Amino acid sequence: MWTRYSSRYTTFLGHDIGLWGEDANVFNPMRFLEPRNHLALFFPFGLGSTVCVGQNLVFVEAKIVLAMIISRYSFVVSPLYVHNPMQSLALQPQFGAQIIFTRRS
């Protein structure tokens, strides 16, 4: 049920004149320069049956870029790092993870 609802919801949000203005049906990427008050206005890959066809390609490209970075740099945890995990949607460091990157020769 949520999938059917969310796909209709994403379609309506993208063409809502009240949220985007009179040019809601015109391709205008510059509209994202202005902040909007609606929390669900921008989700680049969509939801439900309206998932972007390029989503898998983007994730593969991101993995390749990350692998290239990791292969060219070495990294260690900073001596200033304080281990203090916190529970959010996932377990994550409360103060971030301070990491020192050095380029491999």
PDB file of N, CA and C in Angstrom:
ATOM      1  N   MET A   1       0.821  -1.201   0.000  1.00  0.00           N
ATOM      2  CA  MET A   1       0.000   0.000   0.000  1.00  0.00           C
ATOM      3  C   MET A   1       0.859   1.257   0.000  1.00  0.00           C
ATOM      4  N   TRP A   2       1.922   1.290   0.799  1.00  0.00           N
ATOM      5  CA  TRP A   2       2.774   2.474   0.850  1.00  0.00           C
ATOM      6  C   TRP A   2       3.425   2.718  -0.509  1.00  0.00           C
ATOM      7  N   THR A   3       3.836   1.652  -1.196  1.00  0.00           N
ATOM      8  CA  THR A   3       4.491   1.820  -2.492  1.00  0.00           C
ATOM      9  C   THR A   3       3.560   2.505  -3.489  1.00  0.00           C
ATOM     10  N   ARG A   4       2.307   2.059  -3.574  1.00  0.00           N
ATOM     11  CA  ARG A   4       1.376   2.708  -4.497  1.00  0.00           C
ATOM     12  C   ARG A   4       1.165   4.160  -4.107  1.00  0.00           C
ATOM     13  N   TYR A   5       1.006   4.415  -2.829  1.00  0.00           N
ATOM     14  CA  TYR A   5       0.766   5.778  -2.373  1.00  0.00           C
ATOM     15  C   TYR A   5       1.982   6.652  -2.650  1.00  0.00           C
ATOM     16  N   SER A   6       3.185   6.140  -2.325  1.00  0.00           N
ATOM     17  CA  SER A   6       4.375   6.961  -2.466  1.00  0.00           C
ATOM     18  C   SER A   6       4.655   7.294  -3.923  1.00  0.00           C
ATOM     19  N   SER A   7       4.394   6.379  -4.860  1.00  0.00           N
ATOM     20  CA  SER A   7       4.659   6.681  -6.255  1.00  0.00           C
ATOM     21  C   SER A   7       3.724   7.787  -6.750  1.00  0.00           C
ATOM     22  N   ARG A   8       2.482   7.768  -6.336  1.00  0.00           N
ATOM     23  CA  ARG A   8       1.573   8.851  -6.713  1.00  0.00           C
ATOM     24  C   ARG A   8       1.986  10.139  -6.037  1.00  0.00           C
ATOM     25  N   TYR A   9       2.434  10.043  -4.795  1.00  0.00           N
ATOM     26  CA  TYR A   9       2.833  11.209  -4.024  1.00  0.00           C
ATOM     27  C   TYR A   9       4.028  11.901  -4.680  1.00  0.00           C
ATOM     28  N   THR A  10       5.026  11.130  -5.116  1.00  0.00           N
ATOM     29  CA  THR A  10       6.195  11.730  -5.749  1.00  0.00           C
ATOM     30  C   THR A  10       5.816  12.402  -7.061  1.00  0.00           C
ATOM     31  N   THR A  11       4.919  11.817  -7.803  1.00  0.00           N
ATOM     32  CA  THR A  11       4.489  12.417  -9.061  1.00  0.00           C
ATOM     33  C   THR A  11       3.790  13.746  -8.812  1.00  0.00           C
ATOM     34  N   PHE A  12       2.915  13.775  -7.838  1.00  0.00           N
ATOM     35  CA  PHE A  12       2.186  15.012  -7.545  1.00  0.00           C
ATOM     36  C   PHE A  12       3.109  16.094  -7.006  1.00  0.00           C
ATOM     37  N   LEU A  13       4.061  15.730  -6.162  1.00  0.00           N
ATOM     38  CA  LEU A  13       4.967  16.730  -5.603  1.00  0.00           C
ATOM     39  C   LEU A  13       5.788  17.415  -6.684  1.00  0.00           C
ATOM     40  N   GLY A  14       6.211  16.670  -7.687  1.00  0.00           N
ATOM     41  CA  GLY A  14       7.037  17.239  -8.737  1.00  0.00           C
ATOM     42  C   GLY A  14       6.318  18.210  -9.637  1.00  0.00           C
ATOM     43  N   HIS A  15       5.001  18.209  -9.623  1.00  0.00           N
ATOM     44  CA  HIS A  15       4.227  19.077 -10.514  1.00  0.00           C
ATOM     45  C   HIS A  15       3.276  19.999  -9.763  1.00  0.00           C
ATOM     46  N   ASP A  16       3.464  20.156  -8.480  1.00  0.00           N
ATOM     47  CA  ASP A  16       2.577  20.978  -7.664  1.00  0.00           C
ATOM     48  C   ASP A  16       2.915  22.456  -7.836  1.00  0.00           C
ATOM     49  N   ILE A  17       2.011  23.197  -8.431  1.00  0.00           N
ATOM     50  CA  ILE A  17       2.228  24.631  -8.676  1.00  0.00           C
ATOM     51  C   ILE A  17       2.327  25.409  -7.369  1.00  0.00           C
ATOM     52  N   GLY A  18       1.619  24.961  -6.352  1.00  0.00           N
ATOM     53  CA  GLY A  18       1.696  25.622  -5.047  1.00  0.00           C
ATOM     54  C   GLY A  18       3.072  25.525  -4.416  1.00  0.00           C
ATOM     55  N   LEU A  19       3.792  24.440  -4.687  1.00  0.00           N
ATOM     56  CA  LEU A  19       5.123  24.260  -4.111  1.00  0.00           C
ATOM     57  C   LEU A  19       6.232  24.812  -5.001  1.00  0.00           C
ATOM     58  N   TRP A  20       6.088  24.677  -6.323  1.00  0.00           N
ATOM     59  CA  TRP A  20       7.170  25.020  -7.233  1.00  0.00           C
ATOM     60  C   TRP A  20       6.929  26.307  -8.018  1.00  0.00           C
ATOM     61  N   GLY A  21       5.732  26.828  -8.013  1.00  0.00           N
ATOM     62  CA  GLY A  21       5.446  28.041  -8.780  1.00  0.00           C
ATOM     63  C   GLY A  21       4.797  27.717 -10.109  1.00  0.00           C
ATOM     64  N   GLU A  22       4.581  28.735 -10.904  1.00  0.00           N
ATOM     65  CA  GLU A  22       3.863  28.585 -12.165  1.00  0.00           C
ATOM     66  C   GLU A  22       4.607  27.720 -13.186  1.00  0.00           C
ATOM     67  N   ASP A  23       5.931  27.624 -13.054  1.00  0.00           N
ATOM     68  CA  ASP A  23       6.697  26.821 -14.019  1.00  0.00           C
ATOM     69  C   ASP A  23       6.968  25.411 -13.487  1.00  0.00           C
ATOM     70  N   ALA A  24       6.053  24.862 -12.735  1.00  0.00           N
ATOM     71  CA  ALA A  24       6.239  23.546 -12.119  1.00  0.00           C
ATOM     72  C   ALA A  24       6.416  22.433 -13.146  1.00  0.00           C
ATOM     73  N   ASN A  25       5.871  22.583 -14.328  1.00  0.00           N
ATOM     74  CA  ASN A  25       5.970  21.549 -15.352  1.00  0.00           C
ATOM     75  C   ASN A  25       7.123  21.763 -16.317  1.00  0.00           C
ATOM     76  N   VAL A  26       7.973  22.739 -16.024  1.00  0.00           N
ATOM     77  CA  VAL A  26       9.117  23.056 -16.877  1.00  0.00           C
ATOM     78  C   VAL A  26      10.392  22.580 -16.178  1.00  0.00           C
ATOM     79  N   PHE A  27      11.325  21.977 -16.949  1.00  0.00           N
ATOM     80  CA  PHE A  27      12.601  21.549 -16.388  1.00  0.00           C
ATOM     81  C   PHE A  27      13.399  22.779 -15.994  1.00  0.00           C
ATOM     82  N   ASN A  28      13.664  22.932 -14.699  1.00  0.00           N
ATOM     83  CA  ASN A  28      14.389  24.085 -14.197  1.00  0.00           C
ATOM     84  C   ASN A  28      15.208  23.662 -12.977  1.00  0.00           C
ATOM     85  N   PRO A  29      16.422  23.158 -13.167  1.00  0.00           N
ATOM     86  CA  PRO A  29      17.219  22.715 -12.021  1.00  0.00           C
ATOM     87  C   PRO A  29      17.632  23.853 -11.097  1.00  0.00           C
ATOM     88  N   MET A  30      17.559  25.080 -11.556  1.00  0.00           N
ATOM     89  CA  MET A  30      17.946  26.220 -10.725  1.00  0.00           C
ATOM     90  C   MET A  30      16.967  26.454  -9.573  1.00  0.00           C
ATOM     91  N   ARG A  31      15.792  25.827  -9.640  1.00  0.00           N
ATOM     92  CA  ARG A  31      14.822  26.019  -8.560  1.00  0.00           C
ATOM     93  C   ARG A  31      15.314  25.428  -7.247  1.00  0.00           C
ATOM     94  N   PHE A  32      16.305  24.533  -7.295  1.00  0.00           N
ATOM     95  CA  PHE A  32      16.828  23.944  -6.073  1.00  0.00           C
ATOM     96  C   PHE A  32      17.809  24.866  -5.357  1.00  0.00           C
ATOM     97  N   LEU A  33      18.119  26.016  -5.962  1.00  0.00           N
ATOM     98  CA  LEU A  33      18.985  26.982  -5.302  1.00  0.00           C
ATOM     99  C   LEU A  33      18.264  27.674  -4.149  1.00  0.00           C
ATOM    100  N   GLU A  34      16.950  27.780  -4.261  1.00  0.00           N
ATOM    101  CA  GLU A  34      16.164  28.438  -3.217  1.00  0.00           C
ATOM    102  C   GLU A  34      15.691  27.393  -2.202  1.00  0.00           C
ATOM    103  N   PRO A  35      15.832  27.691  -0.902  1.00  0.00           N
ATOM    104  CA  PRO A  35      15.352  26.725   0.091  1.00  0.00           C
ATOM    105  C   PRO A  35      13.833  26.612   0.073  1.00  0.00           C
ATOM    106  N   ARG A  36      13.327  25.419   0.288  1.00  0.00           N
ATOM    107  CA  ARG A  36      11.884  25.155   0.345  1.00  0.00           C
ATOM    108  C   ARG A  36      11.538  24.642   1.733  1.00  0.00           C
ATOM    109  N   ASN A  37      10.321  24.873   2.171  1.00  0.00           N
ATOM    110  CA  ASN A  37       9.911  24.474   3.513  1.00  0.00           C
ATOM    111  C   ASN A  37       9.305  23.083   3.589  1.00  0.00           C
ATOM    112  N   HIS A  38       9.038  22.449   2.466  1.00  0.00           N
ATOM    113  CA  HIS A  38       8.438  21.120   2.474  1.00  0.00           C
ATOM    114  C   HIS A  38       9.538  20.072   2.549  1.00  0.00           C
ATOM    115  N   LEU A  39       9.489  19.165   3.520  1.00  0.00           N
ATOM    116  CA  LEU A  39      10.572  18.212   3.754  1.00  0.00           C
ATOM    117  C   LEU A  39      10.750  17.204   2.633  1.00  0.00           C
ATOM    118  N   ALA A  40       9.717  16.860   1.921  1.00  0.00           N
ATOM    119  CA  ALA A  40       9.806  15.787   0.934  1.00  0.00           C
ATOM    120  C   ALA A  40       9.900  16.295  -0.503  1.00  0.00           C
ATOM    121  N   LEU A  41      10.327  17.522  -0.705  1.00  0.00           N
ATOM    122  CA  LEU A  41      10.345  18.057  -2.063  1.00  0.00           C
ATOM    123  C   LEU A  41      11.462  17.498  -2.929  1.00  0.00           C
ATOM    124  N   PHE A  42      12.592  17.165  -2.358  1.00  0.00           N
ATOM    125  CA  PHE A  42      13.702  16.702  -3.175  1.00  0.00           C
ATOM    126  C   PHE A  42      14.168  15.333  -2.702  1.00  0.00           C
ATOM    127  N   PHE A  43      13.877  14.320  -3.474  1.00  0.00           N
ATOM    128  CA  PHE A  43      14.459  12.997  -3.269  1.00  0.00           C
ATOM    129  C   PHE A  43      14.867  12.517  -4.650  1.00  0.00           C
ATOM    130  N   PRO A  44      16.164  12.561  -4.949  1.00  0.00           N
ATOM    131  CA  PRO A  44      16.630  12.401  -6.317  1.00  0.00           C
ATOM    132  C   PRO A  44      16.333  11.057  -6.961  1.00  0.00           C
ATOM    133  N   PHE A  45      16.169   9.982  -6.202  1.00  0.00           N
ATOM    134  CA  PHE A  45      15.937   8.684  -6.813  1.00  0.00           C
ATOM    135  C   PHE A  45      14.492   8.237  -6.713  1.00  0.00           C
ATOM    136  N   GLY A  46      13.634   9.022  -6.106  1.00  0.00           N
ATOM    137  CA  GLY A  46      12.222   8.683  -6.033  1.00  0.00           C
ATOM    138  C   GLY A  46      11.921   7.584  -5.035  1.00  0.00           C
ATOM    139  N   LEU A  47      10.687   7.186  -5.013  1.00  0.00           N
ATOM    140  CA  LEU A  47      10.218   6.153  -4.088  1.00  0.00           C
ATOM    141  C   LEU A  47       9.297   5.201  -4.838  1.00  0.00           C
ATOM    142  N   GLY A  48       9.146   4.011  -4.309  1.00  0.00           N
ATOM    143  CA  GLY A  48       8.176   3.065  -4.852  1.00  0.00           C
ATOM    144  C   GLY A  48       8.433   2.730  -6.305  1.00  0.00           C
ATOM    145  N   SER A  49       7.411   2.769  -7.110  1.00  0.00           N
ATOM    146  CA  SER A  49       7.539   2.383  -8.512  1.00  0.00           C
ATOM    147  C   SER A  49       8.137   3.494  -9.367  1.00  0.00           C
ATOM    148  N   THR A  50       8.431   4.649  -8.794  1.00  0.00           N
ATOM    149  CA  THR A  50       9.005   5.750  -9.567  1.00  0.00           C
ATOM    150  C   THR A  50      10.500   5.878  -9.362  1.00  0.00           C
ATOM    151  N   VAL A  51      11.164   4.802  -8.963  1.00  0.00           N
ATOM    152  CA  VAL A  51      12.599   4.843  -8.725  1.00  0.00           C
ATOM    153  C   VAL A  51      13.333   5.174 -10.022  1.00  0.00           C
ATOM    154  N   CYS A  52      14.338   6.007  -9.917  1.00  0.00           N
ATOM    155  CA  CYS A  52      15.121   6.448 -11.070  1.00  0.00           C
ATOM    156  C   CYS A  52      15.803   5.266 -11.746  1.00  0.00           C
ATOM    157  N   VAL A  53      15.770   5.234 -13.069  1.00  0.00           N
ATOM    158  CA  VAL A  53      16.394   4.133 -13.809  1.00  0.00           C
ATOM    159  C   VAL A  53      17.912   4.182 -13.695  1.00  0.00           C
ATOM    160  N   GLY A  54      18.484   5.319 -13.374  1.00  0.00           N
ATOM    161  CA  GLY A  54      19.931   5.441 -13.255  1.00  0.00           C
ATOM    162  C   GLY A  54      20.462   5.211 -11.853  1.00  0.00           C
ATOM    163  N   GLN A  55      19.589   4.857 -10.919  1.00  0.00           N
ATOM    164  CA  GLN A  55      20.006   4.701  -9.523  1.00  0.00           C
ATOM    165  C   GLN A  55      21.115   3.658  -9.371  1.00  0.00           C
ATOM    166  N   ASN A  56      20.980   2.508 -10.001  1.00  0.00           N
ATOM    167  CA  ASN A  56      22.003   1.469  -9.867  1.00  0.00           C
ATOM    168  C   ASN A  56      23.336   1.925 -10.445  1.00  0.00           C
ATOM    169  N   LEU A  57      23.317   2.626 -11.567  1.00  0.00           N
ATOM    170  CA  LEU A  57      24.548   3.133 -12.168  1.00  0.00           C
ATOM    171  C   LEU A  57      25.245   4.106 -11.225  1.00  0.00           C
ATOM    172  N   VAL A  58      24.500   4.996 -10.599  1.00  0.00           N
ATOM    173  CA  VAL A  58      25.084   5.968  -9.679  1.00  0.00           C
ATOM    174  C   VAL A  58      25.749   5.257  -8.507  1.00  0.00           C
ATOM    175  N   PHE A  59      25.128   4.231  -7.971  1.00  0.00           N
ATOM    176  CA  PHE A  59      25.706   3.513  -6.844  1.00  0.00           C
ATOM    177  C   PHE A  59      26.963   2.748  -7.262  1.00  0.00           C
ATOM    178  N   VAL A  60      26.981   2.180  -8.452  1.00  0.00           N
ATOM    179  CA  VAL A  60      28.183   1.494  -8.941  1.00  0.00           C
ATOM    180  C   VAL A  60      29.312   2.505  -9.135  1.00  0.00           C
ATOM    181  N   GLU A  61      29.001   3.663  -9.733  1.00  0.00           N
ATOM    182  CA  GLU A  61      30.016   4.697  -9.919  1.00  0.00           C
ATOM    183  C   GLU A  61      30.567   5.186  -8.588  1.00  0.00           C
ATOM    184  N   ALA A  62      29.714   5.337  -7.589  1.00  0.00           N
ATOM    185  CA  ALA A  62      30.166   5.778  -6.270  1.00  0.00           C
ATOM    186  C   ALA A  62      31.113   4.754  -5.654  1.00  0.00           C
ATOM    187  N   LYS A  63      30.827   3.484  -5.829  1.00  0.00           N
ATOM    188  CA  LYS A  63      31.714   2.434  -5.308  1.00  0.00           C
ATOM    189  C   LYS A  63      33.063   2.464  -6.011  1.00  0.00           C
ATOM    190  N   ILE A  64      33.062   2.702  -7.320  1.00  0.00           N
ATOM    191  CA  ILE A  64      34.314   2.766  -8.073  1.00  0.00           C
ATOM    192  C   ILE A  64      35.154   3.950  -7.608  1.00  0.00           C
ATOM    193  N   VAL A  65      34.533   5.102  -7.440  1.00  0.00           N
ATOM    194  CA  VAL A  65      35.258   6.292  -6.975  1.00  0.00           C
ATOM    195  C   VAL A  65      35.826   6.051  -5.583  1.00  0.00           C
ATOM    196  N   LEU A  66      35.041   5.479  -4.701  1.00  0.00           N
ATOM    197  CA  LEU A  66      35.520   5.189  -3.350  1.00  0.00           C
ATOM    198  C   LEU A  66      36.684   4.203  -3.381  1.00  0.00           C
ATOM    199  N   ALA A  67      36.609   3.182  -4.217  1.00  0.00           N
ATOM    200  CA  ALA A  67      37.704   2.214  -4.349  1.00  0.00           C
ATOM    201  C   ALA A  67      38.972   2.887  -4.874  1.00  0.00           C
ATOM    202  N   MET A  68      38.815   3.822  -5.809  1.00  0.00           N
ATOM    203  CA  MET A  68      39.985   4.532  -6.335  1.00  0.00           C
ATOM    204  C   MET A  68      40.629   5.403  -5.260  1.00  0.00           C
ATOM    205  N   ILE A  69      39.822   6.057  -4.445  1.00  0.00           N
ATOM    206  CA  ILE A  69      40.355   6.891  -3.363  1.00  0.00           C
ATOM    207  C   ILE A  69      41.077   6.019  -2.342  1.00  0.00           C
ATOM    208  N   ILE A  70      40.449   4.928  -1.953  1.00  0.00           N
ATOM    209  CA  ILE A  70      41.042   4.047  -0.940  1.00  0.00           C
ATOM    210  C   ILE A  70      42.345   3.441  -1.440  1.00  0.00           C
ATOM    211  N   SER A  71      42.444   3.136  -2.730  1.00  0.00           N
ATOM    212  CA  SER A  71      43.668   2.527  -3.256  1.00  0.00           C
ATOM    213  C   SER A  71      44.822   3.516  -3.328  1.00  0.00           C
ATOM    214  N   ARG A  72      44.546   4.806  -3.357  1.00  0.00           N
ATOM    215  CA  ARG A  72      45.600   5.813  -3.496  1.00  0.00           C
ATOM    216  C   ARG A  72      45.987   6.484  -2.180  1.00  0.00           C
ATOM    217  N   TYR A  73      45.225   6.227  -1.133  1.00  0.00           N
ATOM    218  CA  TYR A  73      45.502   6.848   0.155  1.00  0.00           C
ATOM    219  C   TYR A  73      45.535   5.787   1.247  1.00  0.00           C
ATOM    220  N   SER A  74      46.300   6.080   2.277  1.00  0.00           N
ATOM    221  CA  SER A  74      46.218   5.256   3.478  1.00  0.00           C
ATOM    222  C   SER A  74      45.580   6.141   4.547  1.00  0.00           C
ATOM    223  N   PHE A  75      44.933   5.533   5.472  1.00  0.00           N
ATOM    224  CA  PHE A  75      44.265   6.327   6.488  1.00  0.00           C
ATOM    225  C   PHE A  75      44.333   5.626   7.836  1.00  0.00           C
ATOM    226  N   VAL A  76      44.420   6.447   8.877  1.00  0.00           N
ATOM    227  CA  VAL A  76      44.425   5.966  10.263  1.00  0.00           C
ATOM    228  C   VAL A  76      43.506   6.866  11.068  1.00  0.00           C
ATOM    229  N   VAL A  77      43.021   6.333  12.155  1.00  0.00           N
ATOM    230  CA  VAL A  77      42.176   7.133  13.047  1.00  0.00           C
ATOM    231  C   VAL A  77      43.069   8.117  13.789  1.00  0.00           C
ATOM    232  N   SER A  78      42.620   9.344  13.889  1.00  0.00           N
ATOM    233  CA  SER A  78      43.382  10.394  14.557  1.00  0.00           C
ATOM    234  C   SER A  78      43.574  10.071  16.036  1.00  0.00           C
ATOM    235  N   PRO A  79      44.717  10.454  16.610  1.00  0.00           N
ATOM    236  CA  PRO A  79      44.899  10.250  18.045  1.00  0.00           C
ATOM    237  C   PRO A  79      43.929  11.088  18.890  1.00  0.00           C
ATOM    238  N   LEU A  80      43.322  12.101  18.284  1.00  0.00           N
ATOM    239  CA  LEU A  80      42.358  12.945  18.995  1.00  0.00           C
ATOM    240  C   LEU A  80      40.944  12.363  18.996  1.00  0.00           C
ATOM    241  N   TYR A  81      40.743  11.250  18.297  1.00  0.00           N
ATOM    242  CA  TYR A  81      39.410  10.644  18.191  1.00  0.00           C
ATOM    243  C   TYR A  81      38.932  10.167  19.557  1.00  0.00           C
ATOM    244  N   VAL A  82      37.702  10.530  19.906  1.00  0.00           N
ATOM    245  CA  VAL A  82      37.065  10.082  21.143  1.00  0.00           C
ATOM    246  C   VAL A  82      35.944   9.126  20.753  1.00  0.00           C
ATOM    247  N   HIS A  83      36.061   7.895  21.215  1.00  0.00           N
ATOM    248  CA  HIS A  83      35.048   6.894  20.859  1.00  0.00           C
ATOM    249  C   HIS A  83      33.807   7.101  21.721  1.00  0.00           C
ATOM    250  N   ASN A  84      32.729   7.537  21.089  1.00  0.00           N
ATOM    251  CA  ASN A  84      31.473   7.767  21.796  1.00  0.00           C
ATOM    252  C   ASN A  84      30.327   7.475  20.823  1.00  0.00           C
ATOM    253  N   PRO A  85      30.001   6.184  20.638  1.00  0.00           N
ATOM    254  CA  PRO A  85      28.942   5.855  19.685  1.00  0.00           C
ATOM    255  C   PRO A  85      27.571   6.301  20.177  1.00  0.00           C
ATOM    256  N   MET A  86      26.714   6.672  19.245  1.00  0.00           N
ATOM    257  CA  MET A  86      25.340   7.037  19.591  1.00  0.00           C
ATOM    258  C   MET A  86      24.389   6.308  18.658  1.00  0.00           C
ATOM    259  N   GLN A  87      23.216   6.040  19.157  1.00  0.00           N
ATOM    260  CA  GLN A  87      22.213   5.318  18.377  1.00  0.00           C
ATOM    261  C   GLN A  87      21.297   6.323  17.687  1.00  0.00           C
ATOM    262  N   SER A  88      21.258   6.266  16.382  1.00  0.00           N
ATOM    263  CA  SER A  88      20.317   7.041  15.588  1.00  0.00           C
ATOM    264  C   SER A  88      19.567   6.008  14.771  1.00  0.00           C
ATOM    265  N   LEU A  89      19.418   6.185  13.478  1.00  0.00           N
ATOM    266  CA  LEU A  89      18.900   5.107  12.653  1.00  0.00           C
ATOM    267  C   LEU A  89      19.917   3.979  12.584  1.00  0.00           C
ATOM    268  N   ALA A  90      21.186   4.348  12.660  1.00  0.00           N
ATOM    269  CA  ALA A  90      22.271   3.377  12.698  1.00  0.00           C
ATOM    270  C   ALA A  90      23.242   3.830  13.783  1.00  0.00           C
ATOM    271  N   LEU A  91      24.086   2.940  14.225  1.00  0.00           N
ATOM    272  CA  LEU A  91      25.096   3.294  15.214  1.00  0.00           C
ATOM    273  C   LEU A  91      26.151   4.145  14.530  1.00  0.00           C
ATOM    274  N   GLN A  92      26.439   5.314  15.091  1.00  0.00           N
ATOM    275  CA  GLN A  92      27.401   6.211  14.466  1.00  0.00           C
ATOM    276  C   GLN A  92      28.173   6.972  15.531  1.00  0.00           C
ATOM    277  N   PRO A  93      29.374   7.468  15.201  1.00  0.00           N
ATOM    278  CA  PRO A  93      30.140   8.225  16.191  1.00  0.00           C
ATOM    279  C   PRO A  93      29.491   9.585  16.451  1.00  0.00           C
ATOM    280  N   GLN A  94      29.331   9.919  17.718  1.00  0.00           N
ATOM    281  CA  GLN A  94      28.633  11.159  18.080  1.00  0.00           C
ATOM    282  C   GLN A  94      29.391  12.393  17.608  1.00  0.00           C
ATOM    283  N   PHE A  95      30.714  12.373  17.674  1.00  0.00           N
ATOM    284  CA  PHE A  95      31.511  13.541  17.315  1.00  0.00           C
ATOM    285  C   PHE A  95      32.188  13.383  15.954  1.00  0.00           C
ATOM    286  N   GLY A  96      31.723  12.436  15.157  1.00  0.00           N
ATOM    287  CA  GLY A  96      32.332  12.182  13.862  1.00  0.00           C
ATOM    288  C   GLY A  96      33.557  11.288  14.015  1.00  0.00           C
ATOM    289  N   ALA A  97      34.098  10.881  12.910  1.00  0.00           N
ATOM    290  CA  ALA A  97      35.298  10.051  12.927  1.00  0.00           C
ATOM    291  C   ALA A  97      36.439  10.861  12.321  1.00  0.00           C
ATOM    292  N   GLN A  98      37.357  11.289  13.158  1.00  0.00           N
ATOM    293  CA  GLN A  98      38.504  12.055  12.680  1.00  0.00           C
ATOM    294  C   GLN A  98      39.514  11.066  12.105  1.00  0.00           C
ATOM    295  N   ILE A  99      39.766  11.196  10.814  1.00  0.00           N
ATOM    296  CA  ILE A  99      40.644  10.275  10.113  1.00  0.00           C
ATOM    297  C   ILE A  99      41.740  11.081   9.417  1.00  0.00           C
ATOM    298  N   ILE A 100      42.961  10.571   9.495  1.00  0.00           N
ATOM    299  CA  ILE A 100      44.097  11.219   8.842  1.00  0.00           C
ATOM    300  C   ILE A 100      44.392  10.465   7.547  1.00  0.00           C
ATOM    301  N   PHE A 101      44.275  11.167   6.414  1.00  0.00           N
ATOM    302  CA  PHE A 101      44.557  10.589   5.104  1.00  0.00           C
ATOM    303  C   PHE A 101      45.969  11.008   4.685  1.00  0.00           C
ATOM    304  N   THR A 102      46.722  10.073   4.175  1.00  0.00           N
ATOM    305  CA  THR A 102      48.020  10.381   3.581  1.00  0.00           C
ATOM    306  C   THR A 102      48.093   9.699   2.234  1.00  0.00           C
ATOM    307  N   ARG A 103      48.636  10.419   1.260  1.00  0.00           N
ATOM    308  CA  ARG A 103      48.732   9.876  -0.097  1.00  0.00           C
ATOM    309  C   ARG A 103      49.855   8.850  -0.161  1.00  0.00           C
ATOM    310  N   ARG A 104      49.547   7.713  -0.750  1.00  0.00           N
ATOM    311  CA  ARG A 104      50.563   6.660  -0.923  1.00  0.00           C
ATOM    312  C   ARG A 104      51.505   7.071  -2.033  1.00  0.00           C
ATOM    313  N   SER A 105      52.773   6.723  -1.871  1.00  0.00           N
ATOM    314  CA  SER A 105      53.741   7.085  -2.916  1.00  0.00           C
ATOM    315  C   SER A 105      53.931   6.006  -3.937  1.00  0.00           C
TER     316      SER A 105
END
